[in-house]
């Protein structure tokens, strides 16, 4: 129990220092490992746009209060035919306290691209628990631009 509290405190400090409400979209790195995809993969990975775009829930274990990230693999393709690989996090290197991936909702608007909305929780240091919010992000498959933001949870 003491270890759990220490991990939560460390996560809270990291989230407070990094501004959790910022939401970051970064190039894939150590977070985007196959062993970090939450199992069963069929429940925590979904494809869109005829399989061109894949989202998956990642759990990198530590910090416990911010271990969950969203993996986005999508067009555009590089010169070798590989998709771009991005990770969406609560802050740089810090994930979400909780993600209800099975409640992920997606739609398409030709003027914007793919649009996603998923309920998340961001660590709240004052309560030691997650604070509910909606993670929204848009993906333009032509340019690879991903815009992400939180709604609610303040």
Protein backbone atom coordinates (compact mmCIF):
# COMPACT_ATOMS: atom_id res chain seq x y z
CA UNK A 1 0.00 0.00 0.00
CA UNK A 2 2.82 2.38 0.89
CA UNK A 3 4.39 1.78 -2.55
CA UNK A 4 1.06 2.53 -4.25
CA UNK A 5 0.74 5.85 -2.40
CA UNK A 6 4.33 6.74 -3.34
CA UNK A 7 3.61 6.01 -7.01
CA UNK A 8 0.42 8.12 -6.90
CA UNK A 9 2.31 10.99 -5.27
CA UNK A 10 5.04 10.80 -7.92
CA UNK A 11 2.42 10.73 -10.67
CA UNK A 12 0.63 13.71 -9.14
CA UNK A 13 3.83 15.69 -9.01
CA UNK A 14 4.60 14.87 -12.62
CA UNK A 15 1.10 15.76 -13.77
CA UNK A 16 1.07 19.01 -11.81
CA UNK A 17 4.47 19.98 -13.17
CA UNK A 18 3.53 19.18 -16.75
CA UNK A 19 0.02 20.69 -16.92
CA UNK A 20 -2.19 17.64 -17.41
CA UNK A 21 -4.93 19.53 -19.24
CA UNK A 22 -2.58 20.21 -22.15
CA UNK A 23 -3.00 16.81 -23.89
CA UNK A 24 -0.02 15.98 -26.07
CA UNK A 25 0.35 14.23 -29.40
CA UNK A 26 3.89 12.95 -29.79
CA UNK A 27 5.88 10.62 -32.02
CA UNK A 28 5.85 6.99 -30.93
CA UNK A 29 8.56 6.16 -28.42
CA UNK A 30 9.00 3.73 -25.52
CA UNK A 31 5.25 3.95 -24.75
CA UNK A 32 4.25 2.39 -28.09
CA UNK A 33 5.48 -1.14 -27.38
CA UNK A 34 3.43 -4.19 -28.34
CA UNK A 35 3.55 -5.43 -24.73
CA UNK A 36 1.90 -2.19 -23.60
CA UNK A 37 -1.28 -2.80 -25.63
CA UNK A 38 -4.05 -3.61 -23.16
CA UNK A 39 -5.41 -7.13 -23.54
CA UNK A 40 -7.49 -8.59 -24.95
CA UNK A 41 -6.28 -6.74 -28.04
CA UNK A 42 -9.62 -7.24 -29.80
CA UNK A 43 -11.32 -5.11 -27.10
CA UNK A 44 -8.66 -2.40 -26.84
CA UNK A 45 -7.72 -1.87 -30.48
CA UNK A 46 -9.97 -0.61 -33.27
CA UNK A 47 -9.52 0.17 -36.93
CA UNK A 48 -11.11 2.89 -39.03
CA UNK A 49 -11.06 4.02 -42.66
CA UNK A 50 -11.00 0.48 -44.07
CA UNK A 51 -8.13 -0.53 -41.77
CA UNK A 52 -5.86 2.38 -42.65
CA UNK A 53 -6.09 3.88 -39.16
CA UNK A 54 -5.69 1.91 -35.93
CA UNK A 55 -6.19 3.12 -32.35
CA UNK A 56 -5.08 1.09 -29.34
CA UNK A 57 -5.05 1.59 -25.59
CA UNK A 58 -1.58 1.44 -24.06
CA UNK A 59 -0.79 0.72 -20.40
CA UNK A 60 2.85 1.41 -19.57
CA UNK A 61 2.27 0.59 -15.86
CA UNK A 62 4.15 3.56 -14.34
CA UNK A 63 3.38 6.09 -13.14
CA UNK A 64 0.29 4.34 -11.88
CA UNK A 65 -1.69 7.59 -11.82
CA UNK A 66 -0.90 8.28 -15.48
CA UNK A 67 -0.08 4.99 -17.19
CA UNK A 68 -2.67 4.96 -20.00
CA UNK A 69 -2.05 6.42 -23.45
CA UNK A 70 -3.75 6.19 -26.87
CA UNK A 71 -1.74 4.82 -29.79
CA UNK A 72 -2.64 6.20 -33.24
CA UNK A 73 -1.27 4.56 -36.39
CA UNK A 74 -2.56 6.26 -39.52
CA UNK A 75 -1.83 7.73 -42.93
CA UNK A 76 0.03 9.46 -44.33
CA UNK A 77 2.49 6.76 -45.29
CA UNK A 78 6.24 7.20 -45.32
CA UNK A 79 8.51 6.36 -48.27
CA UNK A 80 8.65 2.72 -47.12
CA UNK A 81 4.85 2.40 -46.91
CA UNK A 82 4.63 2.61 -43.12
CA UNK A 83 1.95 4.60 -41.34
CA UNK A 84 2.69 7.50 -39.02
CA UNK A 85 2.78 6.47 -35.37
CA UNK A 86 1.64 8.88 -32.62
CA UNK A 87 0.85 8.65 -28.92
CA UNK A 88 -1.79 10.82 -27.24
CA UNK A 89 -1.14 11.49 -23.55
CA UNK A 90 -2.45 13.73 -20.78
CA UNK A 91 0.92 15.54 -20.80
CA UNK A 92 4.34 14.93 -22.27
CA UNK A 93 5.28 11.39 -21.21
CA UNK A 94 2.39 11.15 -18.70
CA UNK A 95 -0.78 9.29 -19.56
CA UNK A 96 -4.32 9.28 -18.28
CA UNK A 97 -5.51 7.91 -14.93
CA UNK A 98 -8.28 6.04 -16.74
CA UNK A 99 -9.56 5.53 -20.30
CA UNK A 100 -12.91 3.96 -21.15
CA UNK A 101 -11.67 2.72 -24.53
CA UNK A 102 -14.72 0.52 -25.14
CA UNK A 103 -16.83 3.73 -25.10
CA UNK A 104 -14.74 5.29 -27.90
CA UNK A 105 -16.96 7.03 -30.43
CA UNK A 106 -15.85 7.95 -33.94
CA UNK A 107 -17.30 9.89 -36.85
CA UNK A 108 -16.12 11.36 -40.10
CA UNK A 109 -16.46 14.88 -41.47
CA UNK A 110 -14.90 15.47 -44.92
CA UNK A 111 -13.89 19.01 -43.91
CA UNK A 112 -12.12 17.83 -40.72
CA UNK A 113 -11.31 14.14 -41.09
CA UNK A 114 -11.81 11.40 -38.54
CA UNK A 115 -13.18 12.67 -35.23
CA UNK A 116 -12.88 10.72 -31.99
CA UNK A 117 -14.28 11.13 -28.50
CA UNK A 118 -13.50 8.90 -25.51
CA UNK A 119 -14.19 9.28 -21.77
CA UNK A 120 -10.97 9.57 -19.75
CA UNK A 121 -9.84 10.36 -16.24
CA UNK A 122 -6.96 12.67 -15.41
CA UNK A 123 -5.26 12.30 -12.03
CA UNK A 124 -6.47 14.82 -9.45
CA UNK A 125 -3.87 15.35 -6.73
CA UNK A 126 -6.41 16.89 -4.35
CA UNK A 127 -8.48 13.69 -4.22
CA UNK A 128 -5.92 11.06 -5.19
CA UNK A 129 -8.39 9.81 -7.81
CA UNK A 130 -9.23 10.41 -11.44
CA UNK A 131 -11.27 13.40 -12.58
CA UNK A 132 -13.60 12.61 -15.48
CA UNK A 133 -13.28 14.38 -18.83
CA UNK A 134 -13.73 13.70 -22.53
CA UNK A 135 -10.69 13.33 -24.74
CA UNK A 136 -11.50 14.64 -28.20
CA UNK A 137 -9.17 14.38 -31.16
CA UNK A 138 -9.35 14.88 -34.89
CA UNK A 139 -7.16 13.14 -37.45
CA UNK A 140 -6.54 14.46 -40.94
CA UNK A 141 -5.27 11.39 -42.79
CA UNK A 142 -4.05 13.45 -45.75
CA UNK A 143 -1.68 15.58 -43.67
CA UNK A 144 -1.27 13.44 -40.56
CA UNK A 145 -2.29 16.36 -38.34
CA UNK A 146 -3.84 15.29 -35.04
CA UNK A 147 -5.49 17.91 -32.84
CA UNK A 148 -6.41 16.75 -29.32
CA UNK A 149 -8.07 18.43 -26.34
CA UNK A 150 -9.97 17.67 -23.14
CA UNK A 151 -13.54 18.75 -22.46
CA UNK A 152 -14.73 18.94 -18.86
CA UNK A 153 -12.89 17.65 -15.84
CA UNK A 154 -11.70 21.02 -14.60
